[in-house]
């Protein structure tokens, strides 16, 4: 992974080293997240059996180095490694070929934010994230998009009258030579956020994901909804076929240290009907316990012990979905 970034990042690293030492604002951070789960796949005679085992819930450790050029202009270098506590490895919890989650440089000022490297994508941030609030491994599956890519050039505008837009392009686009391009626009006021986005994968199928999201937060309540639709030249009912859809509804209620949430979703060809509910207990500012139940009609997330449904891993996924009941702990530093 590091070899990919070696030449590209030499200039940026030299730039930061050349800055006065007193100008640095380094910060080490991390999040350790581990769950114990009972998993019951459907169609057990032709699949793995039920089990009780630990699973990592996206642990990570990272370093941020910030520098302020003026009162308005600043830079941030960030590197974040993936930790898989259940498998005692430096690797992604879902994509077990991933070792770096983030490796980027940001420049921000009155004109907005410009970023380059491996980072979160604007389509995920504005469209998928509003319904991705769960604490366990099973968060984030009910969407068509991806979370992070390499070689992203990403610009976000300042917010004006509640309106903000973002554009991003990445050479990391699977087997196609075309760049993957994303565009989002959002509007936010005191309680409501509305967003629309396009995730343009291109390729032979001229594939695009069109997405809309809305969220409402007032007092102890948070409500969110998301709708995605593939627009492509691919016919039929398979993955990325034209017209396939994903719909999500999330409700969340906070009472003191307790957060209760539930989501209903229907994702064509990736989970189909999904029900997810959970309870977080915030023991203190750094530590929380979480309890969740996750069920999917068809396979998206359910897999064998400490394995995943990622095609890049040594996977043994369920062939017709299943359910998981889990308890976990998260510690942030």
C-alpha atoms as a PDB file:
ATOM      1  CA  UNK A   1       0.000   0.000   0.000  1.00  0.00           C
ATOM      2  CA  UNK A   2       2.720   2.490   0.956  1.00  0.00           C
ATOM      3  CA  UNK A   3       4.570   1.941  -2.336  1.00  0.00           C
ATOM      4  CA  UNK A   4       1.591   3.373  -4.235  1.00  0.00           C
ATOM      5  CA  UNK A   5       1.925   6.665  -2.415  1.00  0.00           C
ATOM      6  CA  UNK A   6       5.720   6.889  -2.256  1.00  0.00           C
ATOM      7  CA  UNK A   7       6.451   9.228  -5.169  1.00  0.00           C
ATOM      8  CA  UNK A   8       3.227  11.228  -4.929  1.00  0.00           C
ATOM      9  CA  UNK A   9       3.724  12.080  -1.283  1.00  0.00           C
ATOM     10  CA  UNK A  10       7.458  12.866  -1.227  1.00  0.00           C
ATOM     11  CA  UNK A  11       6.774  16.512  -2.071  1.00  0.00           C
ATOM     12  CA  UNK A  12       4.116  16.887   0.620  1.00  0.00           C
ATOM     13  CA  UNK A  13       6.213  15.244   3.316  1.00  0.00           C
ATOM     14  CA  UNK A  14       9.209  17.444   2.492  1.00  0.00           C
ATOM     15  CA  UNK A  15       6.917  20.497   2.597  1.00  0.00           C
ATOM     16  CA  UNK A  16       5.712  19.635   6.087  1.00  0.00           C
ATOM     17  CA  UNK A  17       9.198  18.834   7.354  1.00  0.00           C
ATOM     18  CA  UNK A  18      10.437  22.187   6.060  1.00  0.00           C
ATOM     19  CA  UNK A  19       7.862  24.102   8.110  1.00  0.00           C
ATOM     20  CA  UNK A  20       8.989  25.462  11.489  1.00  0.00           C
ATOM     21  CA  UNK A  21       8.724  22.826  14.186  1.00  0.00           C
ATOM     22  CA  UNK A  22       6.627  25.081  16.415  1.00  0.00           C
ATOM     23  CA  UNK A  23       3.996  25.320  13.686  1.00  0.00           C
ATOM     24  CA  UNK A  24       3.052  21.634  13.896  1.00  0.00           C
ATOM     25  CA  UNK A  25       0.007  20.483  15.796  1.00  0.00           C
ATOM     26  CA  UNK A  26       0.372  16.664  15.869  1.00  0.00           C
ATOM     27  CA  UNK A  27      -2.354  14.457  17.262  1.00  0.00           C
ATOM     28  CA  UNK A  28      -2.441  10.690  17.734  1.00  0.00           C
ATOM     29  CA  UNK A  29      -5.886   9.128  17.896  1.00  0.00           C
ATOM     30  CA  UNK A  30      -7.553   5.773  17.701  1.00  0.00           C
ATOM     31  CA  UNK A  31     -10.739   3.798  18.167  1.00  0.00           C
ATOM     32  CA  UNK A  32     -10.789   0.206  19.429  1.00  0.00           C
ATOM     33  CA  UNK A  33     -14.052  -1.565  18.620  1.00  0.00           C
ATOM     34  CA  UNK A  34     -14.793  -5.226  19.287  1.00  0.00           C
ATOM     35  CA  UNK A  35     -18.040  -7.183  19.326  1.00  0.00           C
ATOM     36  CA  UNK A  36     -19.066 -10.694  20.312  1.00  0.00           C
ATOM     37  CA  UNK A  37     -21.813 -12.086  18.098  1.00  0.00           C
ATOM     38  CA  UNK A  38     -24.161 -14.985  17.622  1.00  0.00           C
ATOM     39  CA  UNK A  39     -24.613 -15.489  13.877  1.00  0.00           C
ATOM     40  CA  UNK A  40     -27.246 -17.707  12.300  1.00  0.00           C
ATOM     41  CA  UNK A  41     -27.113 -17.973   8.494  1.00  0.00           C
ATOM     42  CA  UNK A  42     -30.123 -19.026   6.467  1.00  0.00           C
ATOM     43  CA  UNK A  43     -29.965 -22.244   4.429  1.00  0.00           C
ATOM     44  CA  UNK A  44     -27.605 -23.875   6.941  1.00  0.00           C
ATOM     45  CA  UNK A  45     -27.515 -27.352   5.300  1.00  0.00           C
ATOM     46  CA  UNK A  46     -25.687 -25.819   2.315  1.00  0.00           C
ATOM     47  CA  UNK A  47     -23.739 -23.246   4.299  1.00  0.00           C
ATOM     48  CA  UNK A  48     -21.688 -22.823   7.476  1.00  0.00           C
ATOM     49  CA  UNK A  49     -23.466 -23.479  10.768  1.00  0.00           C
ATOM     50  CA  UNK A  50     -24.450 -20.989  13.456  1.00  0.00           C
ATOM     51  CA  UNK A  51     -21.603 -19.760  15.667  1.00  0.00           C
ATOM     52  CA  UNK A  52     -20.567 -17.521  18.544  1.00  0.00           C
ATOM     53  CA  UNK A  53     -17.348 -15.577  17.924  1.00  0.00           C
ATOM     54  CA  UNK A  54     -15.687 -12.159  18.182  1.00  0.00           C
ATOM     55  CA  UNK A  55     -15.597  -9.706  15.256  1.00  0.00           C
ATOM     56  CA  UNK A  56     -13.877  -6.358  14.900  1.00  0.00           C
ATOM     57  CA  UNK A  57     -16.134  -3.337  14.332  1.00  0.00           C
ATOM     58  CA  UNK A  58     -13.775  -1.112  12.274  1.00  0.00           C
ATOM     59  CA  UNK A  59     -10.987  -0.332  14.737  1.00  0.00           C
ATOM     60  CA  UNK A  60      -8.356   2.157  13.616  1.00  0.00           C
ATOM     61  CA  UNK A  61      -5.349   4.183  14.744  1.00  0.00           C
ATOM     62  CA  UNK A  62      -4.172   7.396  13.121  1.00  0.00           C
ATOM     63  CA  UNK A  63      -2.051  10.522  13.186  1.00  0.00           C
ATOM     64  CA  UNK A  64      -3.030  14.082  12.238  1.00  0.00           C
ATOM     65  CA  UNK A  65      -0.484  16.854  11.702  1.00  0.00           C
ATOM     66  CA  UNK A  66      -2.014  20.311  11.316  1.00  0.00           C
ATOM     67  CA  UNK A  67      -0.432  23.647  10.411  1.00  0.00           C
ATOM     68  CA  UNK A  68      -2.003  27.115  10.255  1.00  0.00           C
ATOM     69  CA  UNK A  69      -0.470  29.414   7.627  1.00  0.00           C
ATOM     70  CA  UNK A  70      -2.714  32.347   8.586  1.00  0.00           C
ATOM     71  CA  UNK A  71      -5.897  32.810  10.589  1.00  0.00           C
ATOM     72  CA  UNK A  72      -7.855  31.630   7.525  1.00  0.00           C
ATOM     73  CA  UNK A  73      -5.572  29.150   5.716  1.00  0.00           C
ATOM     74  CA  UNK A  74      -4.496  25.803   7.153  1.00  0.00           C
ATOM     75  CA  UNK A  75      -3.207  22.380   6.146  1.00  0.00           C
ATOM     76  CA  UNK A  76      -3.801  18.914   7.546  1.00  0.00           C
ATOM     77  CA  UNK A  77      -1.874  15.711   6.870  1.00  0.00           C
ATOM     78  CA  UNK A  78      -3.644  12.555   8.059  1.00  0.00           C
ATOM     79  CA  UNK A  79      -2.720   8.878   8.001  1.00  0.00           C
ATOM     80  CA  UNK A  80      -4.954   6.187   9.479  1.00  0.00           C
ATOM     81  CA  UNK A  81      -4.331   2.437   9.637  1.00  0.00           C
ATOM     82  CA  UNK A  82      -7.005  -0.235   9.881  1.00  0.00           C
ATOM     83  CA  UNK A  83      -6.937  -2.660  12.819  1.00  0.00           C
ATOM     84  CA  UNK A  84      -8.698  -6.019  12.906  1.00  0.00           C
ATOM     85  CA  UNK A  85      -8.711  -6.944  16.588  1.00  0.00           C
ATOM     86  CA  UNK A  86     -10.593 -10.210  16.091  1.00  0.00           C
ATOM     87  CA  UNK A  87      -7.976 -11.509  13.622  1.00  0.00           C
ATOM     88  CA  UNK A  88      -5.030  -9.729  15.332  1.00  0.00           C
ATOM     89  CA  UNK A  89      -4.016  -8.112  12.032  1.00  0.00           C
ATOM     90  CA  UNK A  90      -3.435  -4.726  10.418  1.00  0.00           C
ATOM     91  CA  UNK A  91      -6.199  -4.970   7.861  1.00  0.00           C
ATOM     92  CA  UNK A  92      -9.670  -3.711   7.138  1.00  0.00           C
ATOM     93  CA  UNK A  93     -12.493  -5.376   9.014  1.00  0.00           C
ATOM     94  CA  UNK A  94     -14.538  -5.862   5.836  1.00  0.00           C
ATOM     95  CA  UNK A  95     -11.947  -5.438   3.066  1.00  0.00           C
ATOM     96  CA  UNK A  96      -9.160  -7.576   4.487  1.00  0.00           C
ATOM     97  CA  UNK A  97      -6.800  -6.412   1.716  1.00  0.00           C
ATOM     98  CA  UNK A  98      -7.011  -2.832   3.061  1.00  0.00           C
ATOM     99  CA  UNK A  99      -4.330  -1.706   5.519  1.00  0.00           C
ATOM    100  CA  UNK A 100      -4.612   2.090   5.190  1.00  0.00           C
ATOM    101  CA  UNK A 101      -8.005   3.713   5.658  1.00  0.00           C
ATOM    102  CA  UNK A 102      -6.847   7.316   5.145  1.00  0.00           C
ATOM    103  CA  UNK A 103      -3.660   8.872   3.685  1.00  0.00           C
ATOM    104  CA  UNK A 104      -4.306  12.451   2.598  1.00  0.00           C
ATOM    105  CA  UNK A 105      -3.399  16.127   2.615  1.00  0.00           C
ATOM    106  CA  UNK A 106      -6.040  18.861   3.078  1.00  0.00           C
ATOM    107  CA  UNK A 107      -5.699  22.574   2.341  1.00  0.00           C
ATOM    108  CA  UNK A 108      -8.575  24.690   3.672  1.00  0.00           C
ATOM    109  CA  UNK A 109      -9.413  28.378   3.604  1.00  0.00           C
ATOM    110  CA  UNK A 110     -12.067  30.939   2.644  1.00  0.00           C
ATOM    111  CA  UNK A 111     -12.427  29.318  -0.808  1.00  0.00           C
ATOM    112  CA  UNK A 112     -13.249  25.898   0.627  1.00  0.00           C
ATOM    113  CA  UNK A 113     -11.341  22.666   1.166  1.00  0.00           C
ATOM    114  CA  UNK A 114      -9.082  20.868  -1.346  1.00  0.00           C
ATOM    115  CA  UNK A 115      -7.921  17.347  -0.536  1.00  0.00           C
ATOM    116  CA  UNK A 116      -5.768  14.720  -2.232  1.00  0.00           C
ATOM    117  CA  UNK A 117      -5.034  11.115  -1.280  1.00  0.00           C
ATOM    118  CA  UNK A 118      -7.002   8.217   0.128  1.00  0.00           C
ATOM    119  CA  UNK A 119     -10.080   9.561   1.866  1.00  0.00           C
ATOM    120  CA  UNK A 120     -13.809   9.308   2.419  1.00  0.00           C
ATOM    121  CA  UNK A 121     -15.880  10.151  -0.655  1.00  0.00           C
ATOM    122  CA  UNK A 122     -18.382  13.027  -0.879  1.00  0.00           C
ATOM    123  CA  UNK A 123     -21.227  10.809  -2.121  1.00  0.00           C
ATOM    124  CA  UNK A 124     -20.913   8.600   0.961  1.00  0.00           C
ATOM    125  CA  UNK A 125     -20.629  11.617   3.278  1.00  0.00           C
ATOM    126  CA  UNK A 126     -23.786  13.310   1.984  1.00  0.00           C
ATOM    127  CA  UNK A 127     -25.986  10.423   0.789  1.00  0.00           C
ATOM    128  CA  UNK A 128     -25.075   7.205   2.648  1.00  0.00           C
ATOM    129  CA  UNK A 129     -23.785   8.519   5.983  1.00  0.00           C
ATOM    130  CA  UNK A 130     -27.101  10.057   7.172  1.00  0.00           C
ATOM    131  CA  UNK A 131     -28.450   6.499   7.699  1.00  0.00           C
ATOM    132  CA  UNK A 132     -25.104   4.917   8.719  1.00  0.00           C
ATOM    133  CA  UNK A 133     -25.254   5.512  12.482  1.00  0.00           C
ATOM    134  CA  UNK A 134     -24.882   2.011  13.924  1.00  0.00           C
ATOM    135  CA  UNK A 135     -21.856   1.016  16.025  1.00  0.00           C
ATOM    136  CA  UNK A 136     -21.273  -2.581  14.931  1.00  0.00           C
ATOM    137  CA  UNK A 137     -19.610  -4.319  11.987  1.00  0.00           C
ATOM    138  CA  UNK A 138     -23.012  -4.433  10.254  1.00  0.00           C
ATOM    139  CA  UNK A 139     -23.248  -0.683   9.768  1.00  0.00           C
ATOM    140  CA  UNK A 140     -22.946   0.763   6.277  1.00  0.00           C
ATOM    141  CA  UNK A 141     -23.926  -2.217   4.126  1.00  0.00           C
ATOM    142  CA  UNK A 142     -27.300  -0.924   2.903  1.00  0.00           C
ATOM    143  CA  UNK A 143     -25.891   1.261   0.107  1.00  0.00           C
ATOM    144  CA  UNK A 144     -24.591   0.815  -3.438  1.00  0.00           C
ATOM    145  CA  UNK A 145     -21.582   3.128  -3.115  1.00  0.00           C
ATOM    146  CA  UNK A 146     -18.121   2.637  -1.622  1.00  0.00           C
ATOM    147  CA  UNK A 147     -16.679   4.522   1.362  1.00  0.00           C
ATOM    148  CA  UNK A 148     -13.071   5.375   0.475  1.00  0.00           C
ATOM    149  CA  UNK A 149     -10.803   5.252  -2.588  1.00  0.00           C
ATOM    150  CA  UNK A 150      -7.159   5.963  -3.458  1.00  0.00           C
ATOM    151  CA  UNK A 151      -5.897   8.940  -5.490  1.00  0.00           C
ATOM    152  CA  UNK A 152      -8.915  11.153  -4.764  1.00  0.00           C
ATOM    153  CA  UNK A 153      -8.837  14.832  -5.721  1.00  0.00           C
ATOM    154  CA  UNK A 154     -11.685  16.307  -3.679  1.00  0.00           C
ATOM    155  CA  UNK A 155     -13.049  19.858  -3.418  1.00  0.00           C
ATOM    156  CA  UNK A 156     -15.770  21.083  -1.035  1.00  0.00           C
ATOM    157  CA  UNK A 157     -17.119  24.615  -1.265  1.00  0.00           C
ATOM    158  CA  UNK A 158     -17.791  26.924   1.669  1.00  0.00           C
ATOM    159  CA  UNK A 159     -21.372  26.885   2.919  1.00  0.00           C
ATOM    160  CA  UNK A 160     -23.419  29.853   1.681  1.00  0.00           C
ATOM    161  CA  UNK A 161     -27.003  30.301   2.885  1.00  0.00           C
ATOM    162  CA  UNK A 162     -26.948  26.650   3.924  1.00  0.00           C
ATOM    163  CA  UNK A 163     -25.888  25.405   0.471  1.00  0.00           C
ATOM    164  CA  UNK A 164     -22.679  23.459  -0.118  1.00  0.00           C
ATOM    165  CA  UNK A 165     -21.390  21.423  -3.076  1.00  0.00           C
ATOM    166  CA  UNK A 166     -18.582  18.911  -3.502  1.00  0.00           C
ATOM    167  CA  UNK A 167     -16.834  17.298  -6.454  1.00  0.00           C
ATOM    168  CA  UNK A 168     -14.311  14.479  -6.462  1.00  0.00           C
ATOM    169  CA  UNK A 169     -12.428  12.373  -8.989  1.00  0.00           C
ATOM    170  CA  UNK A 170     -10.363   9.235  -8.455  1.00  0.00           C
ATOM    171  CA  UNK A 171      -8.249   7.029 -10.698  1.00  0.00           C
ATOM    172  CA  UNK A 172      -9.102   4.126  -8.387  1.00  0.00           C
ATOM    173  CA  UNK A 173     -12.077   2.695 -10.286  1.00  0.00           C
ATOM    174  CA  UNK A 174     -11.803  -1.069 -10.313  1.00  0.00           C
ATOM    175  CA  UNK A 175     -10.963  -2.659 -13.662  1.00  0.00           C
ATOM    176  CA  UNK A 176     -11.852   0.402 -15.771  1.00  0.00           C
ATOM    177  CA  UNK A 177      -9.343   2.977 -17.004  1.00  0.00           C
ATOM    178  CA  UNK A 178     -11.832   5.819 -16.567  1.00  0.00           C
ATOM    179  CA  UNK A 179     -11.818   7.927 -13.406  1.00  0.00           C
ATOM    180  CA  UNK A 180     -14.629   7.603 -10.894  1.00  0.00           C
ATOM    181  CA  UNK A 181     -16.330  10.979 -10.465  1.00  0.00           C
ATOM    182  CA  UNK A 182     -18.734  12.201  -7.791  1.00  0.00           C
ATOM    183  CA  UNK A 183     -20.861  15.319  -7.412  1.00  0.00           C
ATOM    184  CA  UNK A 184     -23.028  16.357  -4.444  1.00  0.00           C
ATOM    185  CA  UNK A 185     -25.065  19.364  -3.371  1.00  0.00           C
ATOM    186  CA  UNK A 186     -26.710  19.860   0.016  1.00  0.00           C
ATOM    187  CA  UNK A 187     -28.826  22.328   1.935  1.00  0.00           C
ATOM    188  CA  UNK A 188     -28.776  22.587   5.748  1.00  0.00           C
ATOM    189  CA  UNK A 189     -30.708  24.704   8.224  1.00  0.00           C
ATOM    190  CA  UNK A 190     -31.086  24.360  11.997  1.00  0.00           C
ATOM    191  CA  UNK A 191     -32.977  21.069  11.901  1.00  0.00           C
ATOM    192  CA  UNK A 192     -33.101  19.795   8.303  1.00  0.00           C
ATOM    193  CA  UNK A 193     -30.510  18.599   5.775  1.00  0.00           C
ATOM    194  CA  UNK A 194     -31.337  17.733   2.155  1.00  0.00           C
ATOM    195  CA  UNK A 195     -28.765  16.297  -0.256  1.00  0.00           C
ATOM    196  CA  UNK A 196     -28.495  14.961  -3.806  1.00  0.00           C
ATOM    197  CA  UNK A 197     -25.539  13.245  -5.418  1.00  0.00           C
ATOM    198  CA  UNK A 198     -24.169  11.350  -8.417  1.00  0.00           C
ATOM    199  CA  UNK A 199     -21.552   8.593  -8.196  1.00  0.00           C
ATOM    200  CA  UNK A 200     -20.347   8.141 -11.800  1.00  0.00           C
ATOM    201  CA  UNK A 201     -18.499   4.826 -12.245  1.00  0.00           C
ATOM    202  CA  UNK A 202     -18.549   4.994 -16.055  1.00  0.00           C
ATOM    203  CA  UNK A 203     -17.137   1.839 -17.635  1.00  0.00           C
ATOM    204  CA  UNK A 204     -18.719  -0.279 -20.353  1.00  0.00           C
ATOM    205  CA  UNK A 205     -22.082  -0.088 -18.616  1.00  0.00           C
ATOM    206  CA  UNK A 206     -22.042   3.717 -18.365  1.00  0.00           C
ATOM    207  CA  UNK A 207     -22.915   3.150 -14.710  1.00  0.00           C
ATOM    208  CA  UNK A 208     -24.091   5.910 -12.383  1.00  0.00           C
ATOM    209  CA  UNK A 209     -25.602   5.839  -8.897  1.00  0.00           C
ATOM    210  CA  UNK A 210     -28.123   8.610  -8.299  1.00  0.00           C
ATOM    211  CA  UNK A 211     -28.847   9.375  -4.660  1.00  0.00           C
ATOM    212  CA  UNK A 212     -31.035  11.564  -2.463  1.00  0.00           C
ATOM    213  CA  UNK A 213     -30.966  11.890   1.323  1.00  0.00           C
ATOM    214  CA  UNK A 214     -32.850  13.816   3.981  1.00  0.00           C
ATOM    215  CA  UNK A 215     -32.273  14.063   7.719  1.00  0.00           C
ATOM    216  CA  UNK A 216     -34.090  15.872  10.526  1.00  0.00           C
ATOM    217  CA  UNK A 217     -32.635  16.495  13.995  1.00  0.00           C
ATOM    218  CA  UNK A 218     -34.467  18.269  16.779  1.00  0.00           C
ATOM    219  CA  UNK A 219     -33.951  17.732  20.476  1.00  0.00           C
ATOM    220  CA  UNK A 220     -33.491  14.055  21.265  1.00  0.00           C
ATOM    221  CA  UNK A 221     -34.838  12.806  17.912  1.00  0.00           C
ATOM    222  CA  UNK A 222     -33.001  12.116  14.665  1.00  0.00           C
ATOM    223  CA  UNK A 223     -34.793  10.885  11.513  1.00  0.00           C
ATOM    224  CA  UNK A 224     -33.169  10.115   8.164  1.00  0.00           C
ATOM    225  CA  UNK A 225     -34.024   8.583   4.792  1.00  0.00           C
ATOM    226  CA  UNK A 226     -32.022   7.676   1.703  1.00  0.00           C
ATOM    227  CA  UNK A 227     -32.934   6.641  -1.838  1.00  0.00           C
ATOM    228  CA  UNK A 228     -30.480   5.357  -4.454  1.00  0.00           C
ATOM    229  CA  UNK A 229     -31.022   4.190  -8.016  1.00  0.00           C
ATOM    230  CA  UNK A 230     -28.667   2.752 -10.636  1.00  0.00           C
ATOM    231  CA  UNK A 231     -28.747   4.489 -14.014  1.00  0.00           C
ATOM    232  CA  UNK A 232     -26.836   2.313 -16.473  1.00  0.00           C
ATOM    233  CA  UNK A 233     -26.830   0.501 -19.813  1.00  0.00           C
ATOM    234  CA  UNK A 234     -26.947  -2.850 -17.977  1.00  0.00           C
ATOM    235  CA  UNK A 235     -30.196  -4.762 -18.515  1.00  0.00           C
ATOM    236  CA  UNK A 236     -31.766  -7.381 -16.266  1.00  0.00           C
ATOM    237  CA  UNK A 237     -31.972  -7.709 -12.494  1.00  0.00           C
ATOM    238  CA  UNK A 238     -28.306  -8.120 -11.514  1.00  0.00           C
ATOM    239  CA  UNK A 239     -25.874  -5.806  -9.744  1.00  0.00           C
ATOM    240  CA  UNK A 240     -25.808  -2.282 -11.226  1.00  0.00           C
ATOM    241  CA  UNK A 241     -28.688  -3.090 -13.583  1.00  0.00           C
ATOM    242  CA  UNK A 242     -30.614  -0.041 -14.711  1.00  0.00           C
ATOM    243  CA  UNK A 243     -33.401   0.835 -12.277  1.00  0.00           C
ATOM    244  CA  UNK A 244     -32.267  -1.220  -9.281  1.00  0.00           C
ATOM    245  CA  UNK A 245     -32.896   0.650  -6.031  1.00  0.00           C
ATOM    246  CA  UNK A 246     -31.914   1.048  -2.377  1.00  0.00           C
ATOM    247  CA  UNK A 247     -34.260   2.629   0.171  1.00  0.00           C
ATOM    248  CA  UNK A 248     -33.426   3.282   3.859  1.00  0.00           C
ATOM    249  CA  UNK A 249     -35.346   4.746   6.824  1.00  0.00           C
ATOM    250  CA  UNK A 250     -33.602   5.415  10.159  1.00  0.00           C
ATOM    251  CA  UNK A 251     -35.029   6.652  13.464  1.00  0.00           C
ATOM    252  CA  UNK A 252     -32.904   7.469  16.522  1.00  0.00           C
ATOM    253  CA  UNK A 253     -33.817   8.653  20.021  1.00  0.00           C
ATOM    254  CA  UNK A 254     -31.411   9.792  22.754  1.00  0.00           C
ATOM    255  CA  UNK A 255     -32.245   9.637  26.461  1.00  0.00           C
ATOM    256  CA  UNK A 256     -29.345  10.702  28.672  1.00  0.00           C
ATOM    257  CA  UNK A 257     -26.507   8.229  28.098  1.00  0.00           C
ATOM    258  CA  UNK A 258     -28.748   5.906  26.066  1.00  0.00           C
ATOM    259  CA  UNK A 259     -29.212   5.996  22.285  1.00  0.00           C
ATOM    260  CA  UNK A 260     -31.859   3.799  20.649  1.00  0.00           C
ATOM    261  CA  UNK A 261     -32.062   3.412  16.870  1.00  0.00           C
ATOM    262  CA  UNK A 262     -33.709   1.263  14.206  1.00  0.00           C
ATOM    263  CA  UNK A 263     -33.439   1.041  10.427  1.00  0.00           C
ATOM    264  CA  UNK A 264     -35.554  -0.553   7.730  1.00  0.00           C
ATOM    265  CA  UNK A 265     -34.021  -0.897   4.278  1.00  0.00           C
ATOM    266  CA  UNK A 266     -34.560  -2.633   0.975  1.00  0.00           C
ATOM    267  CA  UNK A 267     -31.462  -2.941  -1.215  1.00  0.00           C
ATOM    268  CA  UNK A 268     -31.860  -4.739  -4.541  1.00  0.00           C
ATOM    269  CA  UNK A 269     -29.313  -7.551  -5.001  1.00  0.00           C
ATOM    270  CA  UNK A 270     -27.468  -6.659  -1.789  1.00  0.00           C
ATOM    271  CA  UNK A 271     -29.371  -7.692   1.300  1.00  0.00           C
ATOM    272  CA  UNK A 272     -32.871  -7.138  -0.116  1.00  0.00           C
ATOM    273  CA  UNK A 273     -35.030  -6.540   2.992  1.00  0.00           C
ATOM    274  CA  UNK A 274     -32.816  -5.448   5.928  1.00  0.00           C
ATOM    275  CA  UNK A 275     -33.825  -4.834   9.553  1.00  0.00           C
ATOM    276  CA  UNK A 276     -31.287  -3.358  11.968  1.00  0.00           C
ATOM    277  CA  UNK A 277     -31.867  -2.154  15.525  1.00  0.00           C
ATOM    278  CA  UNK A 278     -29.556  -1.213  18.358  1.00  0.00           C
ATOM    279  CA  UNK A 279     -28.902   0.387  21.747  1.00  0.00           C
ATOM    280  CA  UNK A 280     -25.772   2.345  22.662  1.00  0.00           C
ATOM    281  CA  UNK A 281     -24.874   3.065  26.283  1.00  0.00           C
ATOM    282  CA  UNK A 282     -22.307   5.864  26.655  1.00  0.00           C
ATOM    283  CA  UNK A 283     -20.441   4.895  29.826  1.00  0.00           C
ATOM    284  CA  UNK A 284     -18.258   8.005  29.567  1.00  0.00           C
ATOM    285  CA  UNK A 285     -16.862  10.317  26.869  1.00  0.00           C
ATOM    286  CA  UNK A 286     -14.422   7.660  25.608  1.00  0.00           C
ATOM    287  CA  UNK A 287     -16.237   4.383  26.194  1.00  0.00           C
ATOM    288  CA  UNK A 288     -19.567   3.004  25.078  1.00  0.00           C
ATOM    289  CA  UNK A 289     -21.276  -0.377  24.999  1.00  0.00           C
ATOM    290  CA  UNK A 290     -23.524  -1.374  22.111  1.00  0.00           C
ATOM    291  CA  UNK A 291     -26.151  -4.060  21.632  1.00  0.00           C
ATOM    292  CA  UNK A 292     -27.601  -4.765  18.177  1.00  0.00           C
ATOM    293  CA  UNK A 293     -29.712  -7.125  16.115  1.00  0.00           C
ATOM    294  CA  UNK A 294     -29.153  -7.316  12.344  1.00  0.00           C
ATOM    295  CA  UNK A 295     -31.114  -9.348   9.777  1.00  0.00           C
ATOM    296  CA  UNK A 296     -30.867  -9.501   5.983  1.00  0.00           C
ATOM    297  CA  UNK A 297     -32.997 -11.410   3.484  1.00  0.00           C
ATOM    298  CA  UNK A 298     -30.186 -12.067   1.008  1.00  0.00           C
ATOM    299  CA  UNK A 299     -26.418 -11.999   1.458  1.00  0.00           C
ATOM    300  CA  UNK A 300     -24.706  -8.661   2.014  1.00  0.00           C
ATOM    301  CA  UNK A 301     -22.873  -8.885   5.356  1.00  0.00           C
ATOM    302  CA  UNK A 302     -23.475 -12.285   6.994  1.00  0.00           C
ATOM    303  CA  UNK A 303     -20.333 -14.447   6.775  1.00  0.00           C
ATOM    304  CA  UNK A 304     -18.431 -17.192   8.601  1.00  0.00           C
ATOM    305  CA  UNK A 305     -16.333 -16.698  11.741  1.00  0.00           C
ATOM    306  CA  UNK A 306     -14.134 -13.560  11.443  1.00  0.00           C
ATOM    307  CA  UNK A 307     -14.464 -13.669   7.639  1.00  0.00           C
ATOM    308  CA  UNK A 308     -16.268 -11.234   5.341  1.00  0.00           C
ATOM    309  CA  UNK A 309     -18.266 -11.065   2.114  1.00  0.00           C
ATOM    310  CA  UNK A 310     -15.534  -8.931   0.519  1.00  0.00           C
ATOM    311  CA  UNK A 311     -14.311 -10.476  -2.736  1.00  0.00           C
ATOM    312  CA  UNK A 312     -10.758  -9.503  -1.762  1.00  0.00           C
ATOM    313  CA  UNK A 313     -10.703 -11.656   1.359  1.00  0.00           C
ATOM    314  CA  UNK A 314     -10.676 -15.346   2.180  1.00  0.00           C
ATOM    315  CA  UNK A 315     -14.429 -15.191   2.460  1.00  0.00           C
ATOM    316  CA  UNK A 316     -17.124 -17.717   3.199  1.00  0.00           C
ATOM    317  CA  UNK A 317     -20.336 -15.686   2.936  1.00  0.00           C
ATOM    318  CA  UNK A 318     -23.818 -16.916   3.568  1.00  0.00           C
ATOM    319  CA  UNK A 319     -25.653 -17.721   0.347  1.00  0.00           C
ATOM    320  CA  UNK A 320     -29.056 -16.439   1.450  1.00  0.00           C
ATOM    321  CA  UNK A 321     -28.606 -13.966   4.272  1.00  0.00           C
ATOM    322  CA  UNK A 322     -29.194 -14.544   7.966  1.00  0.00           C
ATOM    323  CA  UNK A 323     -29.124 -12.714  11.292  1.00  0.00           C
ATOM    324  CA  UNK A 324     -26.750 -11.617  14.026  1.00  0.00           C
ATOM    325  CA  UNK A 325     -27.285 -10.756  17.691  1.00  0.00           C
ATOM    326  CA  UNK A 326     -24.300  -8.974  19.222  1.00  0.00           C
ATOM    327  CA  UNK A 327     -22.815  -7.034  22.106  1.00  0.00           C
ATOM    328  CA  UNK A 328     -19.759  -4.815  21.716  1.00  0.00           C
ATOM    329  CA  UNK A 329     -17.512  -2.194  23.273  1.00  0.00           C
ATOM    330  CA  UNK A 330     -15.865   0.890  21.776  1.00  0.00           C
ATOM    331  CA  UNK A 331     -13.027   2.900  23.304  1.00  0.00           C
ATOM    332  CA  UNK A 332     -11.814   6.133  21.665  1.00  0.00           C
ATOM    333  CA  UNK A 333      -8.575   7.950  22.405  1.00  0.00           C
END
